Amino acid sequence: MKDRFSLYTLPKHQTARITGFELSLGDSETRLREIGFAEGDIVKALHFGLFGRNPMTVSLNGALIALRKSDAQIVQVELI
């Protein structure tokens, strides 16, 4: 079984597969799903902000997406 962790901790230029979402308060998961995050999708960490890696930029399905730390922390991934 592969190690699973949050998208927020993914190293720069590393590719991973989305495995699910942490339980969260509010509608963060719904918002992430609406912009294209889904189980099985491939995501790659591209850039991180200077202060606490916030925000981070990822490549998802050919699109560049900037995420807040709080949103990136609920996306669960596994290295591929």
N, C-alpha and C. Protein backbone atom coordinates (compact mmCIF):
# COMPACT_ATOMS: atom_id res chain seq x y z
N MET A 1 0.85 -1.19 0.00
CA MET A 1 0.00 0.00 0.00
C MET A 1 0.89 1.24 0.00
N LYS A 2 0.54 2.23 -0.79
CA LYS A 2 1.32 3.44 -0.90
C LYS A 2 1.00 4.38 0.25
N ASP A 3 1.99 5.21 0.59
CA ASP A 3 1.77 6.21 1.64
C ASP A 3 0.78 7.26 1.17
N ARG A 4 -0.10 7.64 2.05
CA ARG A 4 -1.09 8.68 1.75
C ARG A 4 -0.86 9.85 2.68
N PHE A 5 -1.00 11.05 2.12
CA PHE A 5 -0.81 12.25 2.90
C PHE A 5 -1.54 13.39 2.22
N SER A 6 -1.47 14.59 2.80
CA SER A 6 -2.22 15.71 2.22
C SER A 6 -1.47 16.36 1.07
N LEU A 7 -2.20 16.94 0.16
CA LEU A 7 -1.62 17.64 -0.98
C LEU A 7 -0.68 18.75 -0.51
N TYR A 8 -0.99 19.36 0.60
CA TYR A 8 -0.19 20.46 1.13
C TYR A 8 1.26 20.03 1.39
N THR A 9 1.50 18.77 1.74
CA THR A 9 2.84 18.30 2.07
C THR A 9 3.57 17.71 0.86
N LEU A 10 2.95 17.70 -0.30
CA LEU A 10 3.57 17.16 -1.50
C LEU A 10 4.78 18.00 -1.88
N PRO A 11 5.94 17.37 -2.10
CA PRO A 11 7.14 18.14 -2.50
C PRO A 11 6.98 18.78 -3.88
N LYS A 12 7.69 19.86 -4.09
CA LYS A 12 7.65 20.59 -5.35
C LYS A 12 8.04 19.67 -6.51
N HIS A 13 7.31 19.74 -7.60
CA HIS A 13 7.50 18.96 -8.83
C HIS A 13 7.20 17.47 -8.66
N GLN A 14 6.59 17.09 -7.56
CA GLN A 14 6.21 15.69 -7.34
C GLN A 14 4.78 15.47 -7.86
N THR A 15 4.56 14.32 -8.46
CA THR A 15 3.25 13.96 -8.99
C THR A 15 2.60 12.95 -8.05
N ALA A 16 1.28 13.08 -7.89
CA ALA A 16 0.53 12.19 -7.01
C ALA A 16 -0.88 11.98 -7.54
N ARG A 17 -1.54 10.97 -7.01
CA ARG A 17 -2.94 10.66 -7.36
C ARG A 17 -3.82 11.02 -6.17
N ILE A 18 -4.93 11.69 -6.46
CA ILE A 18 -5.88 12.04 -5.40
C ILE A 18 -6.61 10.78 -4.95
N THR A 19 -6.62 10.55 -3.63
CA THR A 19 -7.28 9.36 -3.08
C THR A 19 -8.55 9.69 -2.31
N GLY A 20 -8.75 10.95 -1.98
CA GLY A 20 -9.96 11.31 -1.24
C GLY A 20 -9.78 12.65 -0.55
N PHE A 21 -10.67 12.92 0.39
CA PHE A 21 -10.70 14.18 1.09
C PHE A 21 -10.86 13.93 2.58
N GLU A 22 -10.16 14.72 3.39
CA GLU A 22 -10.35 14.68 4.84
C GLU A 22 -11.71 15.26 5.16
N LEU A 23 -12.28 14.80 6.24
CA LEU A 23 -13.53 15.44 6.68
C LEU A 23 -13.22 16.86 7.06
N SER A 24 -14.02 17.77 6.61
CA SER A 24 -13.76 19.18 6.90
C SER A 24 -15.04 19.88 7.30
N LEU A 25 -14.87 20.97 7.99
CA LEU A 25 -16.01 21.80 8.35
C LEU A 25 -16.30 22.73 7.19
N GLY A 26 -17.54 23.03 6.96
CA GLY A 26 -17.90 23.93 5.88
C GLY A 26 -17.99 23.23 4.54
N ASP A 27 -17.82 23.99 3.49
CA ASP A 27 -18.04 23.45 2.15
C ASP A 27 -16.76 23.34 1.33
N SER A 28 -15.62 23.18 1.97
CA SER A 28 -14.34 23.12 1.26
C SER A 28 -14.30 21.96 0.26
N GLU A 29 -14.74 20.78 0.66
CA GLU A 29 -14.72 19.64 -0.25
C GLU A 29 -15.60 19.90 -1.47
N THR A 30 -16.77 20.44 -1.25
CA THR A 30 -17.68 20.74 -2.36
C THR A 30 -17.04 21.73 -3.33
N ARG A 31 -16.42 22.77 -2.81
CA ARG A 31 -15.77 23.77 -3.65
C ARG A 31 -14.63 23.15 -4.46
N LEU A 32 -13.83 22.29 -3.82
CA LEU A 32 -12.73 21.63 -4.52
C LEU A 32 -13.25 20.72 -5.63
N ARG A 33 -14.31 19.99 -5.36
CA ARG A 33 -14.90 19.12 -6.39
C ARG A 33 -15.45 19.95 -7.55
N GLU A 34 -16.02 21.10 -7.26
CA GLU A 34 -16.57 21.96 -8.31
C GLU A 34 -15.50 22.50 -9.24
N ILE A 35 -14.28 22.69 -8.75
CA ILE A 35 -13.21 23.18 -9.63
C ILE A 35 -12.41 22.05 -10.25
N GLY A 36 -12.79 20.79 -9.98
CA GLY A 36 -12.20 19.69 -10.72
C GLY A 36 -11.44 18.64 -9.94
N PHE A 37 -11.32 18.76 -8.64
CA PHE A 37 -10.61 17.76 -7.85
C PHE A 37 -11.51 16.54 -7.64
N ALA A 38 -10.99 15.36 -7.98
CA ALA A 38 -11.76 14.13 -7.80
C ALA A 38 -10.80 12.97 -7.58
N GLU A 39 -11.29 11.93 -6.93
CA GLU A 39 -10.49 10.74 -6.68
C GLU A 39 -9.99 10.17 -8.01
N GLY A 40 -8.72 9.78 -8.03
CA GLY A 40 -8.13 9.20 -9.22
C GLY A 40 -7.42 10.19 -10.12
N ASP A 41 -7.67 11.49 -9.94
CA ASP A 41 -7.02 12.51 -10.76
C ASP A 41 -5.55 12.63 -10.38
N ILE A 42 -4.73 13.01 -11.36
CA ILE A 42 -3.30 13.21 -11.15
C ILE A 42 -3.06 14.70 -10.91
N VAL A 43 -2.28 14.99 -9.87
CA VAL A 43 -1.98 16.36 -9.49
C VAL A 43 -0.47 16.49 -9.29
N LYS A 44 0.05 17.67 -9.64
CA LYS A 44 1.49 17.92 -9.49
C LYS A 44 1.70 19.25 -8.81
N ALA A 45 2.51 19.27 -7.75
CA ALA A 45 2.83 20.50 -7.04
C ALA A 45 3.84 21.29 -7.87
N LEU A 46 3.55 22.56 -8.14
CA LEU A 46 4.43 23.36 -8.98
C LEU A 46 5.15 24.48 -8.23
N HIS A 47 4.40 25.27 -7.48
CA HIS A 47 4.98 26.43 -6.81
C HIS A 47 4.37 26.58 -5.42
N PHE A 48 5.14 27.22 -4.53
CA PHE A 48 4.66 27.49 -3.18
C PHE A 48 4.90 28.95 -2.84
N GLY A 49 3.98 29.53 -2.08
CA GLY A 49 4.16 30.90 -1.62
C GLY A 49 5.33 30.99 -0.65
N LEU A 50 5.83 32.20 -0.47
CA LEU A 50 7.01 32.39 0.38
C LEU A 50 6.73 32.21 1.86
N PHE A 51 5.52 32.45 2.27
CA PHE A 51 5.21 32.42 3.70
C PHE A 51 4.36 31.20 4.04
N GLY A 52 4.97 30.19 4.58
CA GLY A 52 4.26 28.99 5.00
C GLY A 52 3.72 28.17 3.84
N ARG A 53 4.39 28.24 2.67
CA ARG A 53 3.95 27.47 1.49
C ARG A 53 2.52 27.83 1.08
N ASN A 54 2.12 29.06 1.37
CA ASN A 54 0.74 29.47 1.16
C ASN A 54 0.71 30.71 0.29
N PRO A 55 -0.01 30.73 -0.84
CA PRO A 55 -0.76 29.62 -1.44
C PRO A 55 0.19 28.70 -2.21
N MET A 56 -0.35 27.60 -2.69
CA MET A 56 0.43 26.71 -3.54
C MET A 56 -0.26 26.60 -4.89
N THR A 57 0.54 26.36 -5.93
CA THR A 57 0.00 26.20 -7.28
C THR A 57 0.21 24.75 -7.70
N VAL A 58 -0.85 24.15 -8.24
CA VAL A 58 -0.78 22.76 -8.69
C VAL A 58 -1.27 22.67 -10.12
N SER A 59 -0.85 21.61 -10.79
CA SER A 59 -1.37 21.29 -12.11
C SER A 59 -2.37 20.16 -11.92
N LEU A 60 -3.58 20.35 -12.43
CA LEU A 60 -4.65 19.35 -12.31
C LEU A 60 -5.41 19.30 -13.62
N ASN A 61 -5.37 18.16 -14.29
CA ASN A 61 -6.10 17.99 -15.55
C ASN A 61 -5.78 19.09 -16.56
N GLY A 62 -4.51 19.49 -16.64
CA GLY A 62 -4.09 20.49 -17.61
C GLY A 62 -4.32 21.93 -17.20
N ALA A 63 -4.87 22.16 -16.02
CA ALA A 63 -5.12 23.51 -15.54
C ALA A 63 -4.21 23.84 -14.37
N LEU A 64 -3.81 25.11 -14.26
CA LEU A 64 -3.06 25.57 -13.10
C LEU A 64 -4.04 26.13 -12.09
N ILE A 65 -3.93 25.65 -10.85
CA ILE A 65 -4.87 26.06 -9.81
C ILE A 65 -4.08 26.50 -8.58
N ALA A 66 -4.42 27.66 -8.04
CA ALA A 66 -3.83 28.14 -6.80
C ALA A 66 -4.75 27.75 -5.65
N LEU A 67 -4.17 27.17 -4.61
CA LEU A 67 -4.95 26.71 -3.45
C LEU A 67 -4.44 27.33 -2.16
N ARG A 68 -5.36 27.65 -1.29
CA ARG A 68 -5.00 28.06 0.06
C ARG A 68 -4.52 26.83 0.83
N LYS A 69 -3.71 27.07 1.84
CA LYS A 69 -3.21 25.99 2.69
C LYS A 69 -4.36 25.17 3.26
N SER A 70 -5.40 25.81 3.73
CA SER A 70 -6.52 25.10 4.36
C SER A 70 -7.22 24.16 3.38
N ASP A 71 -7.30 24.53 2.10
CA ASP A 71 -7.91 23.65 1.11
C ASP A 71 -6.97 22.52 0.72
N ALA A 72 -5.69 22.83 0.53
CA ALA A 72 -4.72 21.80 0.15
C ALA A 72 -4.57 20.74 1.23
N GLN A 73 -4.78 21.10 2.47
CA GLN A 73 -4.62 20.14 3.56
C GLN A 73 -5.71 19.08 3.59
N ILE A 74 -6.87 19.33 3.01
CA ILE A 74 -7.92 18.31 3.06
C ILE A 74 -7.88 17.34 1.89
N VAL A 75 -7.10 17.67 0.83
CA VAL A 75 -6.98 16.78 -0.33
C VAL A 75 -5.95 15.70 0.01
N GLN A 76 -6.37 14.45 0.02
CA GLN A 76 -5.48 13.33 0.32
C GLN A 76 -4.92 12.75 -0.97
N VAL A 77 -3.60 12.48 -1.00
CA VAL A 77 -2.94 11.98 -2.20
C VAL A 77 -2.01 10.82 -1.85
N GLU A 78 -1.61 10.09 -2.91
CA GLU A 78 -0.58 9.07 -2.78
C GLU A 78 0.42 9.27 -3.92
N LEU A 79 1.69 9.06 -3.65
CA LEU A 79 2.72 9.21 -4.67
C LEU A 79 2.53 8.16 -5.75
N ILE A 80 2.85 8.53 -6.99
CA ILE A 80 2.82 7.56 -8.09
C ILE A 80 4.17 7.52 -8.77
